C-alpha atoms as a PDB file:
ATOM      1  CA  MET A   1     -75.683  63.618 -20.960  1.00  0.00           C
ATOM      2  CA  PRO A   2     -71.992  61.496 -20.250  1.00  0.00           C
ATOM      3  CA  GLU A   3     -70.537  59.752 -23.465  1.00  0.00           C
ATOM      4  CA  GLU A   4     -69.830  55.509 -22.921  1.00  0.00           C
ATOM      5  CA  LEU A   5     -66.836  54.796 -21.389  1.00  0.00           C
ATOM      6  CA  ILE A   6     -64.736  52.257 -23.223  1.00  0.00           C
ATOM      7  CA  GLN A   7     -62.463  50.165 -21.797  1.00  0.00           C
ATOM      8  CA  PRO A   8     -59.658  48.611 -23.530  1.00  0.00           C
ATOM      9  CA  GLU A   9     -59.493  45.544 -24.676  1.00  0.00           C
ATOM     10  CA  TYR A  10     -56.084  44.559 -23.546  1.00  0.00           C
ATOM     11  CA  TRP A  11     -57.060  44.709 -19.877  1.00  0.00           C
ATOM     12  CA  ASP A  12     -57.375  41.565 -18.949  1.00  0.00           C
ATOM     13  CA  GLU A  13     -54.864  40.131 -20.307  1.00  0.00           C
ATOM     14  CA  ALA A  14     -52.336  42.443 -18.889  1.00  0.00           C
ATOM     15  CA  CYS A  15     -53.600  42.230 -15.561  1.00  0.00           C
ATOM     16  CA  THR A  16     -52.984  38.197 -16.097  1.00  0.00           C
ATOM     17  CA  VAL A  17     -49.142  38.904 -17.291  1.00  0.00           C
ATOM     18  CA  LEU A  18     -48.587  41.533 -15.054  1.00  0.00           C
ATOM     19  CA  MET A  19     -50.079  39.558 -12.318  1.00  0.00           C
ATOM     20  CA  LYS A  20     -47.395  36.944 -13.190  1.00  0.00           C
ATOM     21  CA  GLN A  21     -44.123  38.606 -14.073  1.00  0.00           C
ATOM     22  CA  ASP A  22     -44.721  41.094 -10.476  1.00  0.00           C
ATOM     23  CA  ARG A  23     -45.033  40.427  -7.321  1.00  0.00           C
ATOM     24  CA  ILE A  24     -46.151  43.455  -5.927  1.00  0.00           C
ATOM     25  CA  LEU A  25     -49.121  43.472  -8.696  1.00  0.00           C
ATOM     26  CA  ARG A  26     -50.070  39.827  -8.124  1.00  0.00           C
ATOM     27  CA  LYS A  27     -51.118  40.941  -4.507  1.00  0.00           C
ATOM     28  CA  LEU A  28     -52.506  43.871  -5.590  1.00  0.00           C
ATOM     29  CA  ILE A  29     -54.536  43.748  -8.469  1.00  0.00           C
ATOM     30  CA  PRO A  30     -56.898  40.944  -7.501  1.00  0.00           C
ATOM     31  CA  LYS A  31     -57.681  43.203  -4.075  1.00  0.00           C
ATOM     32  CA  LEU A  32     -58.461  46.195  -6.609  1.00  0.00           C
ATOM     33  CA  ARG A  33     -59.933  45.006  -9.717  1.00  0.00           C
ATOM     34  CA  ASP A  34     -62.552  46.570 -10.788  1.00  0.00           C
ATOM     35  CA  GLU A  35     -63.614  47.995 -14.725  1.00  0.00           C
ATOM     36  CA  GLY A  36     -59.692  49.521 -15.474  1.00  0.00           C
ATOM     37  CA  ILE A  37     -58.473  52.427 -17.780  1.00  0.00           C
ATOM     38  CA  THR A  38     -61.591  54.027 -19.499  1.00  0.00           C
ATOM     39  CA  SER A  39     -62.094  56.326 -22.301  1.00  0.00           C
ATOM     40  CA  ARG A  40     -64.738  58.678 -23.582  1.00  0.00           C
ATOM     41  CA  GLY A  41     -63.224  58.594 -26.664  1.00  0.00           C
ATOM     42  CA  ASP A  42     -63.225  62.028 -27.658  1.00  0.00           C
ATOM     43  CA  PRO A  43     -59.759  63.487 -27.887  1.00  0.00           C
ATOM     44  CA  PHE A  44     -60.415  67.428 -27.235  1.00  0.00           C
ATOM     45  CA  LEU A  45     -62.402  66.525 -23.816  1.00  0.00           C
ATOM     46  CA  THR A  46     -59.468  64.362 -23.027  1.00  0.00           C
ATOM     47  CA  LEU A  47     -57.111  66.575 -23.175  1.00  0.00           C
ATOM     48  CA  ALA A  48     -59.127  69.460 -21.661  1.00  0.00           C
ATOM     49  CA  ARG A  49     -60.206  67.257 -18.855  1.00  0.00           C
ATOM     50  CA  SER A  50     -56.349  66.500 -18.588  1.00  0.00           C
ATOM     51  CA  ILE A  51     -55.580  70.307 -18.544  1.00  0.00           C
ATOM     52  CA  VAL A  52     -58.092  71.294 -15.455  1.00  0.00           C
ATOM     53  CA  GLY A  53     -56.844  68.101 -13.739  1.00  0.00           C
ATOM     54  CA  GLN A  54     -52.691  69.264 -13.589  1.00  0.00           C
ATOM     55  CA  GLN A  55     -51.168  70.106 -10.449  1.00  0.00           C
ATOM     56  CA  ILE A  56     -54.138  69.135  -8.263  1.00  0.00           C
ATOM     57  CA  SER A  57     -55.712  66.240  -6.382  1.00  0.00           C
ATOM     58  CA  VAL A  58     -58.459  63.503  -8.730  1.00  0.00           C
ATOM     59  CA  ALA A  59     -61.112  65.094  -6.491  1.00  0.00           C
ATOM     60  CA  ALA A  60     -60.321  68.717  -6.884  1.00  0.00           C
ATOM     61  CA  ALA A  61     -59.987  68.142 -10.732  1.00  0.00           C
ATOM     62  CA  GLN A  62     -63.366  66.326 -10.698  1.00  0.00           C
ATOM     63  CA  THR A  63     -65.042  69.112  -8.562  1.00  0.00           C
ATOM     64  CA  VAL A  64     -63.552  71.975 -10.837  1.00  0.00           C
ATOM     65  CA  TRP A  65     -64.397  69.668 -13.908  1.00  0.00           C
ATOM     66  CA  ASN A  66     -68.385  69.431 -12.942  1.00  0.00           C
ATOM     67  CA  ARG A  67     -68.680  72.881 -12.440  1.00  0.00           C
ATOM     68  CA  PHE A  68     -66.825  73.400 -16.202  1.00  0.00           C
ATOM     69  CA  GLU A  69     -68.724  71.388 -17.627  1.00  0.00           C
ATOM     70  CA  ALA A  70     -71.743  72.975 -15.971  1.00  0.00           C
ATOM     71  CA  LEU A  71     -71.206  76.632 -18.123  1.00  0.00           C
ATOM     72  CA  THR A  72     -71.952  74.686 -21.413  1.00  0.00           C
ATOM     73  CA  PRO A  73     -74.207  72.495 -22.925  1.00  0.00           C
ATOM     74  CA  LYS A  74     -71.267  70.059 -24.094  1.00  0.00           C
ATOM     75  CA  VAL A  75     -67.582  70.664 -23.753  1.00  0.00           C
ATOM     76  CA  THR A  76     -66.786  71.696 -27.555  1.00  0.00           C
ATOM     77  CA  PRO A  77     -63.693  73.691 -29.204  1.00  0.00           C
ATOM     78  CA  LYS A  78     -66.652  76.080 -31.261  1.00  0.00           C
ATOM     79  CA  ASN A  79     -68.465  76.343 -27.030  1.00  0.00           C
ATOM     80  CA  ILE A  80     -65.393  76.654 -25.227  1.00  0.00           C
ATOM     81  CA  LEU A  81     -64.416  79.656 -27.796  1.00  0.00           C
ATOM     82  CA  ALA A  82     -67.152  81.121 -26.661  1.00  0.00           C
ATOM     83  CA  LEU A  83     -67.130  80.695 -23.294  1.00  0.00           C
ATOM     84  CA  ASP A  84     -66.830  83.440 -21.323  1.00  0.00           C
ATOM     85  CA  ALA A  85     -63.293  83.590 -19.370  1.00  0.00           C
ATOM     86  CA  GLN A  86     -64.133  85.147 -16.043  1.00  0.00           C
ATOM     87  CA  LEU A  87     -67.073  82.442 -15.706  1.00  0.00           C
ATOM     88  CA  MET A  88     -64.286  79.826 -16.473  1.00  0.00           C
ATOM     89  CA  ARG A  89     -62.547  81.302 -13.705  1.00  0.00           C
ATOM     90  CA  ALA A  90     -64.835  81.243 -11.301  1.00  0.00           C
ATOM     91  CA  ALA A  91     -66.260  77.588 -12.182  1.00  0.00           C
ATOM     92  CA  GLY A  92     -61.943  77.310 -10.789  1.00  0.00           C
ATOM     93  CA  LEU A  93     -59.967  76.993 -13.343  1.00  0.00           C
ATOM     94  CA  SER A  94     -56.716  79.368 -13.258  1.00  0.00           C
ATOM     95  CA  LEU A  95     -56.335  82.150 -15.536  1.00  0.00           C
ATOM     96  CA  ARG A  96     -53.287  80.147 -16.983  1.00  0.00           C
ATOM     97  CA  LYS A  97     -56.006  77.238 -17.635  1.00  0.00           C
ATOM     98  CA  VAL A  98     -58.575  78.996 -18.866  1.00  0.00           C
ATOM     99  CA  GLU A  99     -55.983  80.417 -21.642  1.00  0.00           C
ATOM    100  CA  TYR A 100     -54.550  76.787 -22.480  1.00  0.00           C
ATOM    101  CA  VAL A 101     -57.890  75.635 -22.591  1.00  0.00           C
ATOM    102  CA  LYS A 102     -59.274  78.720 -24.707  1.00  0.00           C
ATOM    103  CA  ASP A 103     -55.686  78.093 -27.104  1.00  0.00           C
ATOM    104  CA  LEU A 104     -56.458  74.148 -27.019  1.00  0.00           C
ATOM    105  CA  ALA A 105     -59.394  74.767 -28.262  1.00  0.00           C
ATOM    106  CA  ASP A 106     -58.789  77.263 -31.138  1.00  0.00           C
ATOM    107  CA  HIS A 107     -56.159  74.258 -32.299  1.00  0.00           C
ATOM    108  CA  PHE A 108     -59.119  71.875 -32.879  1.00  0.00           C
ATOM    109  CA  GLN A 109     -61.591  74.727 -34.349  1.00  0.00           C
ATOM    110  CA  ASN A 110     -59.448  76.621 -36.630  1.00  0.00           C
ATOM    111  CA  LYS A 111     -55.767  75.269 -36.743  1.00  0.00           C
ATOM    112  CA  GLY A 112     -56.636  71.562 -38.273  1.00  0.00           C
ATOM    113  CA  LEU A 113     -55.410  69.199 -35.782  1.00  0.00           C
ATOM    114  CA  ASN A 114     -55.492  66.307 -36.983  1.00  0.00           C
ATOM    115  CA  LYS A 115     -56.272  63.986 -34.409  1.00  0.00           C
ATOM    116  CA  VAL A 116     -57.121  61.019 -36.645  1.00  0.00           C
ATOM    117  CA  LYS A 117     -53.502  60.145 -37.702  1.00  0.00           C
ATOM    118  CA  TRP A 118     -52.282  59.742 -33.608  1.00  0.00           C
ATOM    119  CA  TYR A 119     -54.190  56.326 -34.127  1.00  0.00           C
ATOM    120  CA  LEU A 120     -51.575  55.429 -36.622  1.00  0.00           C
ATOM    121  CA  GLN A 121     -48.682  57.256 -34.838  1.00  0.00           C
ATOM    122  CA  GLU A 122     -45.952  55.536 -32.257  1.00  0.00           C
ATOM    123  CA  ASP A 123     -46.217  56.675 -29.043  1.00  0.00           C
ATOM    124  CA  GLU A 124     -43.345  59.916 -29.457  1.00  0.00           C
ATOM    125  CA  ALA A 125     -44.436  60.783 -32.190  1.00  0.00           C
ATOM    126  CA  VAL A 126     -47.798  62.292 -30.587  1.00  0.00           C
ATOM    127  CA  ILE A 127     -46.119  63.229 -27.502  1.00  0.00           C
ATOM    128  CA  LYS A 128     -43.768  65.858 -29.657  1.00  0.00           C
ATOM    129  CA  GLU A 129     -46.621  66.797 -31.765  1.00  0.00           C
ATOM    130  CA  LEU A 130     -49.113  67.386 -28.493  1.00  0.00           C
ATOM    131  CA  THR A 131     -46.297  69.111 -26.499  1.00  0.00           C
ATOM    132  CA  ALA A 132     -46.149  71.932 -29.413  1.00  0.00           C
ATOM    133  CA  ILE A 133     -49.641  73.067 -27.781  1.00  0.00           C
ATOM    134  CA  ARG A 134     -49.311  75.620 -25.346  1.00  0.00           C
ATOM    135  CA  GLY A 135     -50.152  73.492 -22.098  1.00  0.00           C
ATOM    136  CA  ILE A 136     -49.872  70.216 -23.084  1.00  0.00           C
ATOM    137  CA  GLY A 137     -46.791  69.250 -21.120  1.00  0.00           C
ATOM    138  CA  ARG A 138     -45.369  65.510 -21.860  1.00  0.00           C
ATOM    139  CA  TRP A 139     -47.579  64.291 -18.962  1.00  0.00           C
ATOM    140  CA  THR A 140     -50.529  65.236 -20.144  1.00  0.00           C
ATOM    141  CA  ALA A 141     -49.377  63.708 -23.443  1.00  0.00           C
ATOM    142  CA  GLU A 142     -49.290  60.757 -22.105  1.00  0.00           C
ATOM    143  CA  MET A 143     -52.620  60.954 -20.226  1.00  0.00           C
ATOM    144  CA  PHE A 144     -53.946  60.988 -23.750  1.00  0.00           C
ATOM    145  CA  LEU A 145     -52.024  57.843 -24.907  1.00  0.00           C
ATOM    146  CA  MET A 146     -53.000  55.901 -21.729  1.00  0.00           C
ATOM    147  CA  PHE A 147     -56.752  57.618 -21.581  1.00  0.00           C
ATOM    148  CA  ASN A 148     -57.772  58.415 -25.100  1.00  0.00           C
ATOM    149  CA  LEU A 149     -55.656  56.646 -27.805  1.00  0.00           C
ATOM    150  CA  LYS A 150     -55.531  53.532 -24.429  1.00  0.00           C
ATOM    151  CA  ARG A 151     -51.903  52.857 -25.255  1.00  0.00           C
ATOM    152  CA  PRO A 152     -50.608  50.114 -23.340  1.00  0.00           C
ATOM    153  CA  ASN A 153     -47.207  50.475 -22.419  1.00  0.00           C
ATOM    154  CA  VAL A 154     -47.038  54.169 -21.502  1.00  0.00           C
ATOM    155  CA  LEU A 155     -44.624  55.207 -18.163  1.00  0.00           C
ATOM    156  CA  PRO A 156     -45.544  58.711 -17.134  1.00  0.00           C
ATOM    157  CA  LEU A 157     -42.469  59.022 -14.771  1.00  0.00           C
ATOM    158  CA  ASP A 158     -43.205  62.456 -14.266  1.00  0.00           C
ATOM    159  CA  ASP A 159     -46.457  62.012 -12.630  1.00  0.00           C
ATOM    160  CA  VAL A 160     -46.026  62.208  -8.166  1.00  0.00           C
ATOM    161  CA  GLY A 161     -48.504  59.326  -7.465  1.00  0.00           C
ATOM    162  CA  LEU A 162     -47.018  56.713  -9.257  1.00  0.00           C
ATOM    163  CA  ILE A 163     -43.085  57.695  -7.671  1.00  0.00           C
ATOM    164  CA  LYS A 164     -45.250  58.387  -4.822  1.00  0.00           C
ATOM    165  CA  ALA A 165     -46.728  54.361  -5.155  1.00  0.00           C
ATOM    166  CA  ILE A 166     -43.693  53.074  -6.576  1.00  0.00           C
ATOM    167  CA  SER A 167     -42.064  54.064  -2.907  1.00  0.00           C
ATOM    168  CA  LYS A 168     -44.768  52.887  -1.268  1.00  0.00           C
ATOM    169  CA  ASN A 169     -44.743  49.477  -2.650  1.00  0.00           C
ATOM    170  CA  TYR A 170     -42.070  48.753  -3.569  1.00  0.00           C
ATOM    171  CA  PHE A 171     -38.961  50.257  -1.289  1.00  0.00           C
ATOM    172  CA  SER A 172     -41.198  50.452   1.944  1.00  0.00           C
ATOM    173  CA  GLY A 173     -41.971  54.787   1.596  1.00  0.00           C
ATOM    174  CA  GLU A 174     -38.285  56.110   0.938  1.00  0.00           C
ATOM    175  CA  THR A 175     -38.019  58.372  -1.898  1.00  0.00           C
ATOM    176  CA  VAL A 176     -37.400  56.538  -5.335  1.00  0.00           C
ATOM    177  CA  THR A 177     -35.336  58.329  -8.426  1.00  0.00           C
ATOM    178  CA  ARG A 178     -36.317  58.300 -11.409  1.00  0.00           C
ATOM    179  CA  SER A 179     -33.899  55.583 -12.690  1.00  0.00           C
ATOM    180  CA  GLU A 180     -35.451  53.650  -9.566  1.00  0.00           C
ATOM    181  CA  ALA A 181     -38.816  54.119 -10.778  1.00  0.00           C
ATOM    182  CA  ARG A 182     -37.886  53.227 -14.117  1.00  0.00           C
ATOM    183  CA  GLU A 183     -35.854  50.001 -13.034  1.00  0.00           C
ATOM    184  CA  VAL A 184     -39.000  48.362 -11.272  1.00  0.00           C
ATOM    185  CA  ALA A 185     -41.250  49.649 -14.335  1.00  0.00           C
ATOM    186  CA  ASP A 186     -39.345  47.401 -16.369  1.00  0.00           C
ATOM    187  CA  ASN A 187     -40.959  44.917 -15.017  1.00  0.00           C
ATOM    188  CA  TRP A 188     -44.065  45.831 -15.989  1.00  0.00           C
ATOM    189  CA  ALA A 189     -43.677  46.103 -19.989  1.00  0.00           C
ATOM    190  CA  PRO A 190     -45.463  45.821 -22.316  1.00  0.00           C
ATOM    191  CA  TYR A 191     -48.205  46.721 -20.248  1.00  0.00           C
ATOM    192  CA  ARG A 192     -47.047  50.009 -18.215  1.00  0.00           C
ATOM    193  CA  SER A 193     -49.800  51.471 -18.719  1.00  0.00           C
ATOM    194  CA  VAL A 194     -52.150  49.481 -16.721  1.00  0.00           C
ATOM    195  CA  ALA A 195     -49.913  48.716 -14.007  1.00  0.00           C
ATOM    196  CA  THR A 196     -49.203  52.196 -13.336  1.00  0.00           C
ATOM    197  CA  TRP A 197     -53.429  52.415 -13.255  1.00  0.00           C
ATOM    198  CA  TYR A 198     -53.052  50.132 -10.139  1.00  0.00           C
ATOM    199  CA  MET A 199     -50.499  52.313  -8.509  1.00  0.00           C
ATOM    200  CA  TRP A 200     -52.321  54.805  -8.890  1.00  0.00           C
ATOM    201  CA  ARG A 201     -55.297  52.505  -7.395  1.00  0.00           C
ATOM    202  CA  SER A 202     -53.354  51.500  -4.467  1.00  0.00           C
ATOM    203  CA  LEU A 203     -53.170  55.447  -2.864  1.00  0.00           C
ATOM    204  CA  ASP A 204     -56.520  56.463  -3.880  1.00  0.00           C
ATOM    205  CA  PRO A 205     -59.127  54.258  -4.592  1.00  0.00           C
ATOM    206  CA  VAL A 206     -61.549  56.121  -6.862  1.00  0.00           C
ATOM    207  CA  PRO A 207     -60.419  55.857 -10.256  1.00  0.00           C
ATOM    208  CA  VAL A 208     -59.507  58.634 -12.667  1.00  0.00           C
ATOM    209  CA  ASP A 209     -60.773  59.253 -16.126  1.00  0.00           C
ATOM    210  CA  TYR A 210     -60.689  61.394 -18.857  1.00  0.00           C
END
């Protein structure tokens, strides 16, 4: 049974601030306003879902995850380590993603990954620790910050959807550079995670959760 989805406590305030600060979000947020970023609160689950969702669409990621989740009574490090790799491949994971998810499970189960301290660390310190694990790049670490630790001011500039949405909403569809995207996002602080979420929604009405 799915765990309860938890919304960040800052969401409503963030929406109010962003609508005051940014002319595009002033129009977008009332159209798209709903539950916002939600989290299941389980660090392993969040990271595993992020790995599964790398480089594929939200819809495809959900389909693969549903098949993967059905392979075991509960997605835990212990259960994933015991899972047959071929079954994971049959669920739609690439060989590389199977390796990454298994390695992640090993870090949680056997290598003493200290998830408690993440709640006390700065964003960049968490990113540094997570990206030391195979299969976790900066984008995946940033998704973890947004969806699990619920950090309010994350700007995932490696996210294709975010760049595309900034291009569409602020530059009439013209391709933008990272520096141009960062300049737009300067206006979103200290709630860049929330603005990013609404940028995604402007492209795809189906919310993503981890």
